[in-house]
PDB file of N, CA and C in Angstrom:
ATOM      1  N   UNK A   1      -6.011  10.187   0.182  1.00  0.00           N
ATOM      2  CA  UNK A   1      -4.694  10.696   0.488  1.00  0.00           C
ATOM      3  C   UNK A   1      -4.765  11.384   1.866  1.00  0.00           C
ATOM      4  N   UNK A   2      -3.794  11.069   2.681  1.00  0.00           N
ATOM      5  CA  UNK A   2      -3.737  11.688   4.006  1.00  0.00           C
ATOM      6  C   UNK A   2      -3.351  13.162   3.873  1.00  0.00           C
ATOM      7  N   UNK A   3      -3.973  13.992   4.676  1.00  0.00           N
ATOM      8  CA  UNK A   3      -3.753  15.441   4.602  1.00  0.00           C
ATOM      9  C   UNK A   3      -2.267  15.795   4.738  1.00  0.00           C
ATOM     10  N   UNK A   4      -1.547  15.130   5.667  1.00  0.00           N
ATOM     11  CA  UNK A   4      -0.136  15.451   5.897  1.00  0.00           C
ATOM     12  C   UNK A   4       0.752  15.050   4.720  1.00  0.00           C
ATOM     13  N   UNK A   5       0.251  14.193   3.820  1.00  0.00           N
ATOM     14  CA  UNK A   5       1.043  13.748   2.671  1.00  0.00           C
ATOM     15  C   UNK A   5       0.641  14.443   1.370  1.00  0.00           C
ATOM     16  N   UNK A   6      -0.393  15.225   1.435  1.00  0.00           N
ATOM     17  CA  UNK A   6      -0.951  15.845   0.238  1.00  0.00           C
ATOM     18  C   UNK A   6       0.073  16.670  -0.550  1.00  0.00           C
ATOM     19  N   UNK A   7       0.816  17.531   0.126  1.00  0.00           N
ATOM     20  CA  UNK A   7       1.792  18.380  -0.571  1.00  0.00           C
ATOM     21  C   UNK A   7       2.829  17.533  -1.308  1.00  0.00           C
ATOM     22  N   UNK A   8       3.285  16.454  -0.675  1.00  0.00           N
ATOM     23  CA  UNK A   8       4.266  15.594  -1.334  1.00  0.00           C
ATOM     24  C   UNK A   8       3.664  14.933  -2.573  1.00  0.00           C
ATOM     25  N   UNK A   9       2.508  14.294  -2.425  1.00  0.00           N
ATOM     26  CA  UNK A   9       1.914  13.558  -3.545  1.00  0.00           C
ATOM     27  C   UNK A   9       1.480  14.461  -4.698  1.00  0.00           C
ATOM     28  N   UNK A  10       1.299  15.737  -4.437  1.00  0.00           N
ATOM     29  CA  UNK A  10       0.945  16.683  -5.492  1.00  0.00           C
ATOM     30  C   UNK A  10       2.165  17.431  -6.042  1.00  0.00           C
ATOM     31  N   UNK A  11       3.347  17.108  -5.524  1.00  0.00           N
ATOM     32  CA  UNK A  11       4.559  17.817  -5.943  1.00  0.00           C
ATOM     33  C   UNK A  11       5.055  17.367  -7.314  1.00  0.00           C
ATOM     34  N   UNK A  12       5.729  18.277  -7.987  1.00  0.00           N
ATOM     35  CA  UNK A  12       6.345  17.978  -9.285  1.00  0.00           C
ATOM     36  C   UNK A  12       7.424  16.905  -9.131  1.00  0.00           C
ATOM     37  N   UNK A  13       8.165  16.955  -8.013  1.00  0.00           N
ATOM     38  CA  UNK A  13       9.227  15.966  -7.770  1.00  0.00           C
ATOM     39  C   UNK A  13       8.650  14.557  -7.735  1.00  0.00           C
ATOM     40  N   UNK A  14       7.546  14.377  -6.998  1.00  0.00           N
ATOM     41  CA  UNK A  14       6.949  13.043  -6.910  1.00  0.00           C
ATOM     42  C   UNK A  14       6.358  12.629  -8.253  1.00  0.00           C
ATOM     43  N   UNK A  15       5.694  13.550  -8.914  1.00  0.00           N
ATOM     44  CA  UNK A  15       5.094  13.233 -10.205  1.00  0.00           C
ATOM     45  C   UNK A  15       6.155  12.743 -11.195  1.00  0.00           C
ATOM     46  N   UNK A  16       7.279  13.433 -11.260  1.00  0.00           N
ATOM     47  CA  UNK A  16       8.351  13.041 -12.178  1.00  0.00           C
ATOM     48  C   UNK A  16       8.979  11.719 -11.758  1.00  0.00           C
ATOM     49  N   UNK A  17       9.236  11.555 -10.473  1.00  0.00           N
ATOM     50  CA  UNK A  17       9.834  10.324  -9.964  1.00  0.00           C
ATOM     51  C   UNK A  17       8.915   9.133 -10.226  1.00  0.00           C
ATOM     52  N   UNK A  18       7.648   9.281  -9.870  1.00  0.00           N
ATOM     53  CA  UNK A  18       6.653   8.216 -10.056  1.00  0.00           C
ATOM     54  C   UNK A  18       6.556   7.816 -11.525  1.00  0.00           C
ATOM     55  N   UNK A  19       6.399   8.785 -12.400  1.00  0.00           N
ATOM     56  CA  UNK A  19       6.238   8.499 -13.827  1.00  0.00           C
ATOM     57  C   UNK A  19       7.482   7.815 -14.402  1.00  0.00           C
ATOM     58  N   UNK A  20       8.656   8.300 -14.012  1.00  0.00           N
ATOM     59  CA  UNK A  20       9.904   7.707 -14.513  1.00  0.00           C
ATOM     60  C   UNK A  20      10.069   6.282 -13.999  1.00  0.00           C
ATOM     61  N   UNK A  21       9.732   6.052 -12.723  1.00  0.00           N
ATOM     62  CA  UNK A  21       9.877   4.699 -12.176  1.00  0.00           C
ATOM     63  C   UNK A  21       8.911   3.729 -12.849  1.00  0.00           C
ATOM     64  N   UNK A  22       7.651   4.120 -12.974  1.00  0.00           N
ATOM     65  CA  UNK A  22       6.685   3.237 -13.633  1.00  0.00           C
ATOM     66  C   UNK A  22       7.122   2.924 -15.066  1.00  0.00           C
ATOM     67  N   UNK A  23       7.619   3.929 -15.754  1.00  0.00           N
ATOM     68  CA  UNK A  23       8.114   3.731 -17.124  1.00  0.00           C
ATOM     69  C   UNK A  23       9.303   2.763 -17.129  1.00  0.00           C
ATOM     70  N   UNK A  24      10.182   2.880 -16.145  1.00  0.00           N
ATOM     71  CA  UNK A  24      11.353   1.988 -16.081  1.00  0.00           C
ATOM     72  C   UNK A  24      10.944   0.526 -15.885  1.00  0.00           C
ATOM     73  N   UNK A  25       9.760   0.325 -15.335  1.00  0.00           N
ATOM     74  CA  UNK A  25       9.239  -1.031 -15.120  1.00  0.00           C
ATOM     75  C   UNK A  25       8.238  -1.411 -16.219  1.00  0.00           C
ATOM     76  N   UNK A  26       8.208  -0.621 -17.279  1.00  0.00           N
ATOM     77  CA  UNK A  26       7.305  -0.840 -18.404  1.00  0.00           C
ATOM     78  C   UNK A  26       5.836  -0.875 -17.982  1.00  0.00           C
ATOM     79  N   UNK A  27       5.534  -0.164 -16.896  1.00  0.00           N
ATOM     80  CA  UNK A  27       4.171  -0.108 -16.370  1.00  0.00           C
ATOM     81  C   UNK A  27       3.594  -1.495 -16.114  1.00  0.00           C
ATOM     82  N   UNK A  28       4.459  -2.399 -15.631  1.00  0.00           N
ATOM     83  CA  UNK A  28       4.065  -3.773 -15.316  1.00  0.00           C
ATOM     84  C   UNK A  28       4.205  -3.986 -13.817  1.00  0.00           C
ATOM     85  N   UNK A  29       3.190  -4.585 -13.204  1.00  0.00           N
ATOM     86  CA  UNK A  29       3.223  -4.872 -11.774  1.00  0.00           C
ATOM     87  C   UNK A  29       4.378  -5.821 -11.473  1.00  0.00           C
ATOM     88  N   UNK A  30       5.177  -5.456 -10.496  1.00  0.00           N
ATOM     89  CA  UNK A  30       6.343  -6.256 -10.135  1.00  0.00           C
ATOM     90  C   UNK A  30       5.974  -7.525  -9.378  1.00  0.00           C
ATOM     91  N   UNK A  31       4.731  -7.670  -8.986  1.00  0.00           N
ATOM     92  CA  UNK A  31       4.309  -8.871  -8.251  1.00  0.00           C
ATOM     93  C   UNK A  31       3.558  -9.866  -9.125  1.00  0.00           C
ATOM     94  N   UNK A  32       2.684  -9.369  -9.992  1.00  0.00           N
ATOM     95  CA  UNK A  32       1.841 -10.319 -10.735  1.00  0.00           C
ATOM     96  C   UNK A  32       1.947 -10.201 -12.246  1.00  0.00           C
ATOM     97  N   UNK A  33       2.580  -9.147 -12.751  1.00  0.00           N
ATOM     98  CA  UNK A  33       2.749  -9.001 -14.192  1.00  0.00           C
ATOM     99  C   UNK A  33       1.603  -8.300 -14.909  1.00  0.00           C
ATOM    100  N   UNK A  34       0.589  -7.887 -14.186  1.00  0.00           N
ATOM    101  CA  UNK A  34      -0.523  -7.141 -14.778  1.00  0.00           C
ATOM    102  C   UNK A  34      -0.088  -5.681 -14.978  1.00  0.00           C
ATOM    103  N   UNK A  35      -0.881  -4.884 -15.700  1.00  0.00           N
ATOM    104  CA  UNK A  35      -0.530  -3.471 -15.858  1.00  0.00           C
ATOM    105  C   UNK A  35      -0.483  -2.754 -14.507  1.00  0.00           C
ATOM    106  N   UNK A  36       0.579  -1.980 -14.293  1.00  0.00           N
ATOM    107  CA  UNK A  36       0.773  -1.245 -13.035  1.00  0.00           C
ATOM    108  C   UNK A  36       0.326   0.196 -13.211  1.00  0.00           C
ATOM    109  N   UNK A  37      -0.352   0.695 -12.201  1.00  0.00           N
ATOM    110  CA  UNK A  37      -0.786   2.090 -12.212  1.00  0.00           C
ATOM    111  C   UNK A  37      -0.337   2.827 -10.959  1.00  0.00           C
ATOM    112  N   UNK A  38       0.222   2.088  -9.994  1.00  0.00           N
ATOM    113  CA  UNK A  38       0.578   2.681  -8.706  1.00  0.00           C
ATOM    114  C   UNK A  38       2.059   2.502  -8.443  1.00  0.00           C
ATOM    115  N   UNK A  39       2.687   3.567  -8.001  1.00  0.00           N
ATOM    116  CA  UNK A  39       4.075   3.520  -7.575  1.00  0.00           C
ATOM    117  C   UNK A  39       4.043   3.468  -6.048  1.00  0.00           C
ATOM    118  N   UNK A  40       4.273   2.296  -5.511  1.00  0.00           N
ATOM    119  CA  UNK A  40       4.148   2.020  -4.075  1.00  0.00           C
ATOM    120  C   UNK A  40       5.480   2.235  -3.361  1.00  0.00           C
ATOM    121  N   UNK A  41       5.408   2.812  -2.167  1.00  0.00           N
ATOM    122  CA  UNK A  41       6.590   2.945  -1.312  1.00  0.00           C
ATOM    123  C   UNK A  41       6.708   1.699  -0.445  1.00  0.00           C
ATOM    124  N   UNK A  42       7.802   0.950  -0.608  1.00  0.00           N
ATOM    125  CA  UNK A  42       8.014  -0.270   0.199  1.00  0.00           C
ATOM    126  C   UNK A  42       8.051   0.066   1.687  1.00  0.00           C
ATOM    127  N   UNK A  43       8.799   1.105   2.041  1.00  0.00           N
ATOM    128  CA  UNK A  43       8.735   1.657   3.398  1.00  0.00           C
ATOM    129  C   UNK A  43       7.643   2.704   3.341  1.00  0.00           C
ATOM    130  N   UNK A  44       6.554   2.428   4.010  1.00  0.00           N
ATOM    131  CA  UNK A  44       5.403   3.319   3.936  1.00  0.00           C
ATOM    132  C   UNK A  44       5.756   4.702   4.439  1.00  0.00           C
ATOM    133  N   UNK A  45       5.127   5.697   3.832  1.00  0.00           N
ATOM    134  CA  UNK A  45       5.379   7.071   4.238  1.00  0.00           C
ATOM    135  C   UNK A  45       4.635   7.390   5.530  1.00  0.00           C
ATOM    136  N   UNK A  46       5.306   8.153   6.371  1.00  0.00           N
ATOM    137  CA  UNK A  46       4.739   8.572   7.650  1.00  0.00           C
ATOM    138  C   UNK A  46       4.978  10.071   7.809  1.00  0.00           C
ATOM    139  N   UNK A  47       4.397  10.637   8.837  1.00  0.00           N
ATOM    140  CA  UNK A  47       4.658  12.049   9.130  1.00  0.00           C
ATOM    141  C   UNK A  47       6.148  12.275   9.395  1.00  0.00           C
ATOM    142  N   UNK A  48       6.795  11.269   9.961  1.00  0.00           N
ATOM    143  CA  UNK A  48       8.208  11.396  10.322  1.00  0.00           C
ATOM    144  C   UNK A  48       9.143  11.321   9.118  1.00  0.00           C
ATOM    145  N   UNK A  49       8.782  10.567   8.069  1.00  0.00           N
ATOM    146  CA  UNK A  49       9.712  10.397   6.947  1.00  0.00           C
ATOM    147  C   UNK A  49       9.268  11.076   5.649  1.00  0.00           C
ATOM    148  N   UNK A  50       8.149  11.760   5.657  1.00  0.00           N
ATOM    149  CA  UNK A  50       7.599  12.353   4.430  1.00  0.00           C
ATOM    150  C   UNK A  50       8.540  13.363   3.776  1.00  0.00           C
ATOM    151  N   UNK A  51       9.425  13.966   4.543  1.00  0.00           N
ATOM    152  CA  UNK A  51      10.355  14.952   3.985  1.00  0.00           C
ATOM    153  C   UNK A  51      11.747  14.383   3.714  1.00  0.00           C
ATOM    154  N   UNK A  52      11.875  13.071   3.805  1.00  0.00           N
ATOM    155  CA  UNK A  52      13.164  12.425   3.569  1.00  0.00           C
ATOM    156  C   UNK A  52      13.201  11.882   2.135  1.00  0.00           C
ATOM    157  N   UNK A  53      13.944  12.525   1.235  1.00  0.00           N
ATOM    158  CA  UNK A  53      13.966  12.077  -0.156  1.00  0.00           C
ATOM    159  C   UNK A  53      14.565  10.682  -0.336  1.00  0.00           C
ATOM    160  N   UNK A  54      15.342  10.205   0.645  1.00  0.00           N
ATOM    161  CA  UNK A  54      15.893   8.850   0.553  1.00  0.00           C
ATOM    162  C   UNK A  54      14.804   7.801   0.777  1.00  0.00           C
ATOM    163  N   UNK A  55      13.681   8.228   1.334  1.00  0.00           N
ATOM    164  CA  UNK A  55      12.513   7.354   1.498  1.00  0.00           C
ATOM    165  C   UNK A  55      11.498   7.642   0.394  1.00  0.00           C
ATOM    166  N   UNK A  56      11.195   8.920   0.192  1.00  0.00           N
ATOM    167  CA  UNK A  56      10.098   9.292  -0.699  1.00  0.00           C
ATOM    168  C   UNK A  56      10.429   9.208  -2.190  1.00  0.00           C
ATOM    169  N   UNK A  57      11.670   9.505  -2.555  1.00  0.00           N
ATOM    170  CA  UNK A  57      12.021   9.593  -3.975  1.00  0.00           C
ATOM    171  C   UNK A  57      13.078   8.584  -4.419  1.00  0.00           C
ATOM    172  N   UNK A  58      13.490   7.707  -3.540  1.00  0.00           N
ATOM    173  CA  UNK A  58      14.524   6.727  -3.857  1.00  0.00           C
ATOM    174  C   UNK A  58      13.916   5.515  -4.566  1.00  0.00           C
ATOM    175  N   UNK A  59      14.423   5.198  -5.740  1.00  0.00           N
ATOM    176  CA  UNK A  59      13.878   4.084  -6.514  1.00  0.00           C
ATOM    177  C   UNK A  59      14.021   2.750  -5.783  1.00  0.00           C
ATOM    178  N   UNK A  60      14.997   2.636  -4.905  1.00  0.00           N
ATOM    179  CA  UNK A  60      15.141   1.390  -4.137  1.00  0.00           C
ATOM    180  C   UNK A  60      13.959   1.168  -3.201  1.00  0.00           C
ATOM    181  N   UNK A  61      13.210   2.219  -2.915  1.00  0.00           N
ATOM    182  CA  UNK A  61      12.054   2.116  -2.025  1.00  0.00           C
ATOM    183  C   UNK A  61      10.736   2.071  -2.798  1.00  0.00           C
ATOM    184  N   UNK A  62      10.801   1.995  -4.114  1.00  0.00           N
ATOM    185  CA  UNK A  62       9.589   2.023  -4.923  1.00  0.00           C
ATOM    186  C   UNK A  62       9.301   0.670  -5.544  1.00  0.00           C
ATOM    187  N   UNK A  63       8.043   0.459  -5.836  1.00  0.00           N
ATOM    188  CA  UNK A  63       7.595  -0.783  -6.468  1.00  0.00           C
ATOM    189  C   UNK A  63       6.391  -0.454  -7.344  1.00  0.00           C
ATOM    190  N   UNK A  64       6.420  -0.905  -8.588  1.00  0.00           N
ATOM    191  CA  UNK A  64       5.291  -0.717  -9.499  1.00  0.00           C
ATOM    192  C   UNK A  64       4.258  -1.799  -9.197  1.00  0.00           C
ATOM    193  N   UNK A  65       3.042  -1.369  -8.889  1.00  0.00           N
ATOM    194  CA  UNK A  65       1.990  -2.326  -8.535  1.00  0.00           C
ATOM    195  C   UNK A  65       0.694  -2.040  -9.288  1.00  0.00           C
ATOM    196  N   UNK A  66      -0.064  -3.095  -9.531  1.00  0.00           N
ATOM    197  CA  UNK A  66      -1.421  -2.938 -10.030  1.00  0.00           C
ATOM    198  C   UNK A  66      -2.317  -2.615  -8.825  1.00  0.00           C
ATOM    199  N   UNK A  67      -3.538  -2.230  -9.075  1.00  0.00           N
ATOM    200  CA  UNK A  67      -4.442  -1.859  -7.984  1.00  0.00           C
ATOM    201  C   UNK A  67      -4.684  -3.035  -7.043  1.00  0.00           C
ATOM    202  N   UNK A  68      -4.854  -4.236  -7.593  1.00  0.00           N
ATOM    203  CA  UNK A  68      -5.133  -5.413  -6.769  1.00  0.00           C
ATOM    204  C   UNK A  68      -3.968  -5.728  -5.826  1.00  0.00           C
ATOM    205  N   UNK A  69      -2.746  -5.739  -6.339  1.00  0.00           N
ATOM    206  CA  UNK A  69      -1.582  -6.019  -5.484  1.00  0.00           C
ATOM    207  C   UNK A  69      -1.379  -4.911  -4.449  1.00  0.00           C
ATOM    208  N   UNK A  70      -1.659  -3.679  -4.834  1.00  0.00           N
ATOM    209  CA  UNK A  70      -1.534  -2.579  -3.885  1.00  0.00           C
ATOM    210  C   UNK A  70      -2.559  -2.727  -2.758  1.00  0.00           C
ATOM    211  N   UNK A  71      -3.781  -3.100  -3.110  1.00  0.00           N
ATOM    212  CA  UNK A  71      -4.803  -3.319  -2.083  1.00  0.00           C
ATOM    213  C   UNK A  71      -4.397  -4.455  -1.152  1.00  0.00           C
ATOM    214  N   UNK A  72      -3.870  -5.537  -1.708  1.00  0.00           N
ATOM    215  CA  UNK A  72      -3.426  -6.663  -0.877  1.00  0.00           C
ATOM    216  C   UNK A  72      -2.322  -6.222   0.084  1.00  0.00           C
ATOM    217  N   UNK A  73      -1.408  -5.407  -0.394  1.00  0.00           N
ATOM    218  CA  UNK A  73      -0.305  -4.918   0.449  1.00  0.00           C
ATOM    219  C   UNK A  73      -0.823  -4.112   1.627  1.00  0.00           C
ATOM    220  N   UNK A  74      -1.752  -3.235   1.357  1.00  0.00           N
ATOM    221  CA  UNK A  74      -2.219  -2.342   2.413  1.00  0.00           C
ATOM    222  C   UNK A  74      -3.256  -2.973   3.336  1.00  0.00           C
ATOM    223  N   UNK A  75      -3.794  -4.108   2.951  1.00  0.00           N
ATOM    224  CA  UNK A  75      -4.805  -4.748   3.797  1.00  0.00           C
ATOM    225  C   UNK A  75      -4.330  -6.059   4.404  1.00  0.00           C
ATOM    226  N   UNK A  76      -3.123  -6.500   4.067  1.00  0.00           N
ATOM    227  CA  UNK A  76      -2.641  -7.783   4.587  1.00  0.00           C
ATOM    228  C   UNK A  76      -2.361  -7.741   6.081  1.00  0.00           C
ATOM    229  N   UNK A  77      -2.052  -6.578   6.615  1.00  0.00           N
ATOM    230  CA  UNK A  77      -1.723  -6.463   8.028  1.00  0.00           C
ATOM    231  C   UNK A  77      -2.940  -6.096   8.871  1.00  0.00           C
ATOM    232  N   UNK A  78      -4.078  -6.009   8.217  1.00  0.00           N
ATOM    233  CA  UNK A  78      -5.301  -5.674   8.926  1.00  0.00           C
ATOM    234  C   UNK A  78      -5.642  -6.825   9.874  1.00  0.00           C
ATOM    235  N   UNK A  79      -5.923  -6.520  11.120  1.00  0.00           N
ATOM    236  CA  UNK A  79      -6.214  -7.597  12.064  1.00  0.00           C
ATOM    237  C   UNK A  79      -7.481  -8.360  11.691  1.00  0.00           C
ATOM    238  N   UNK A  80      -7.460  -9.641  11.948  1.00  0.00           N
ATOM    239  CA  UNK A  80      -8.634 -10.477  11.723  1.00  0.00           C
ATOM    240  C   UNK A  80      -9.709 -10.086  12.733  1.00  0.00           C
ATOM    241  N   UNK A  81     -10.938 -10.099  12.268  1.00  0.00           N
ATOM    242  CA  UNK A  81     -12.041  -9.751  13.158  1.00  0.00           C
ATOM    243  C   UNK A  81     -12.326 -10.891  14.123  1.00  0.00           C
ATOM    244  N   UNK A  82     -12.600 -10.557  15.348  1.00  0.00           N
ATOM    245  CA  UNK A  82     -12.956 -11.559  16.352  1.00  0.00           C
ATOM    246  C   UNK A  82     -14.441 -11.889  16.306  1.00  0.00           C
ATOM    247  N   UNK A  83     -15.214 -10.980  15.769  1.00  0.00           N
ATOM    248  CA  UNK A  83     -16.659 -11.175  15.754  1.00  0.00           C
ATOM    249  C   UNK A  83     -17.168 -11.160  14.321  1.00  0.00           C
ATOM    250  N   UNK A  84     -18.114 -12.017  14.049  1.00  0.00           N
ATOM    251  CA  UNK A  84     -18.764 -12.105  12.747  1.00  0.00           C
ATOM    252  C   UNK A  84     -20.257 -12.211  12.984  1.00  0.00           C
ATOM    253  N   UNK A  85     -20.994 -12.318  11.908  1.00  0.00           N
ATOM    254  CA  UNK A  85     -22.440 -12.501  12.003  1.00  0.00           C
ATOM    255  C   UNK A  85     -22.807 -13.858  11.431  1.00  0.00           C
ATOM    256  N   UNK A  86     -23.754 -14.541  12.078  1.00  0.00           N
ATOM    257  CA  UNK A  86     -24.247 -15.799  11.531  1.00  0.00           C
ATOM    258  C   UNK A  86     -25.352 -15.504  10.520  1.00  0.00           C
ATOM    259  N   UNK A  87     -25.973 -16.562   9.968  1.00  0.00           N
ATOM    260  CA  UNK A  87     -26.996 -16.418   8.932  1.00  0.00           C
ATOM    261  C   UNK A  87     -28.205 -15.626   9.415  1.00  0.00           C
ATOM    262  N   UNK A  88     -28.429 -15.608  10.726  1.00  0.00           N
ATOM    263  CA  UNK A  88     -29.590 -14.915  11.282  1.00  0.00           C
ATOM    264  C   UNK A  88     -29.253 -13.502  11.757  1.00  0.00           C
ATOM    265  N   UNK A  89     -28.013 -13.077  11.569  1.00  0.00           N
ATOM    266  CA  UNK A  89     -27.612 -11.735  11.948  1.00  0.00           C
ATOM    267  C   UNK A  89     -27.135 -11.605  13.378  1.00  0.00           C
ATOM    268  N   UNK A  90     -26.973 -12.736  14.071  1.00  0.00           N
ATOM    269  CA  UNK A  90     -26.473 -12.706  15.445  1.00  0.00           C
ATOM    270  C   UNK A  90     -24.957 -12.583  15.453  1.00  0.00           C
ATOM    271  N   UNK A  91     -24.429 -11.869  16.437  1.00  0.00           N
ATOM    272  CA  UNK A  91     -22.978 -11.732  16.573  1.00  0.00           C
ATOM    273  C   UNK A  91     -22.409 -13.038  17.106  1.00  0.00           C
ATOM    274  N   UNK A  92     -21.352 -13.511  16.439  1.00  0.00           N
ATOM    275  CA  UNK A  92     -20.699 -14.767  16.810  1.00  0.00           C
ATOM    276  C   UNK A  92     -19.223 -14.481  17.075  1.00  0.00           C
ATOM    277  N   UNK A  93     -18.709 -14.924  18.215  1.00  0.00           N
ATOM    278  CA  UNK A  93     -17.295 -14.768  18.555  1.00  0.00           C
ATOM    279  C   UNK A  93     -16.479 -15.767  17.759  1.00  0.00           C
ATOM    280  N   UNK A  94     -15.418 -15.281  17.106  1.00  0.00           N
ATOM    281  CA  UNK A  94     -14.510 -16.129  16.344  1.00  0.00           C
ATOM    282  C   UNK A  94     -13.116 -15.947  16.923  1.00  0.00           C
ATOM    283  N   UNK A  95     -12.570 -16.974  17.590  1.00  0.00           N
ATOM    284  CA  UNK A  95     -11.227 -16.810  18.162  1.00  0.00           C
ATOM    285  C   UNK A  95     -10.183 -16.617  17.067  1.00  0.00           C
ATOM    286  N   UNK A  96      -9.182 -15.788  17.361  1.00  0.00           N
ATOM    287  CA  UNK A  96      -8.056 -15.616  16.441  1.00  0.00           C
ATOM    288  C   UNK A  96      -7.254 -16.896  16.426  1.00  0.00           C
ATOM    289  N   UNK A  97      -6.481 -17.120  15.384  1.00  0.00           N
ATOM    290  CA  UNK A  97      -5.692 -18.362  15.275  1.00  0.00           C
ATOM    291  C   UNK A  97      -4.782 -18.553  16.467  1.00  0.00           C
ATOM    292  N   UNK A  98      -4.270 -17.447  17.030  1.00  0.00           N
ATOM    293  CA  UNK A  98      -3.380 -17.559  18.189  1.00  0.00           C
ATOM    294  C   UNK A  98      -4.116 -17.959  19.451  1.00  0.00           C
ATOM    295  N   UNK A  99      -5.445 -17.841  19.457  1.00  0.00           N
ATOM    296  CA  UNK A  99      -6.249 -18.175  20.624  1.00  0.00           C
ATOM    297  C   UNK A  99      -6.813 -19.590  20.569  1.00  0.00           C
ATOM    298  N   UNK A 100      -6.636 -20.277  19.440  1.00  0.00           N
ATOM    299  CA  UNK A 100      -7.266 -21.590  19.259  1.00  0.00           C
ATOM    300  C   UNK A 100      -6.576 -22.692  20.038  1.00  0.00           C
ATOM    301  N   UNK A 101      -5.382 -22.487  20.514  1.00  0.00           N
ATOM    302  CA  UNK A 101      -4.644 -23.530  21.228  1.00  0.00           C
ATOM    303  C   UNK A 101      -5.082 -23.640  22.659  1.00  0.00           C
TER     304      UNK A 101
END
């Protein structure tokens, strides 16, 4: 948990909102149907919007997710690595898909 978001995520308001939303979705992941344990904010929380209840506590901005779907969401925008290692441990340059043309 990011330090600037700690007070919000530990608040009674968030705890009640999160629990009620997950219950409203029967604790089922909205993406894959597995058991959901995470109440995800579709618009990610930032220092700028952490105090805006229309972002933080609005059910329209929430999604019940399982751990796997939540991990996929937060890592899908991670940039592809340009460098990898071959079988011998040497660094190998791997062009990004946009560079292959």
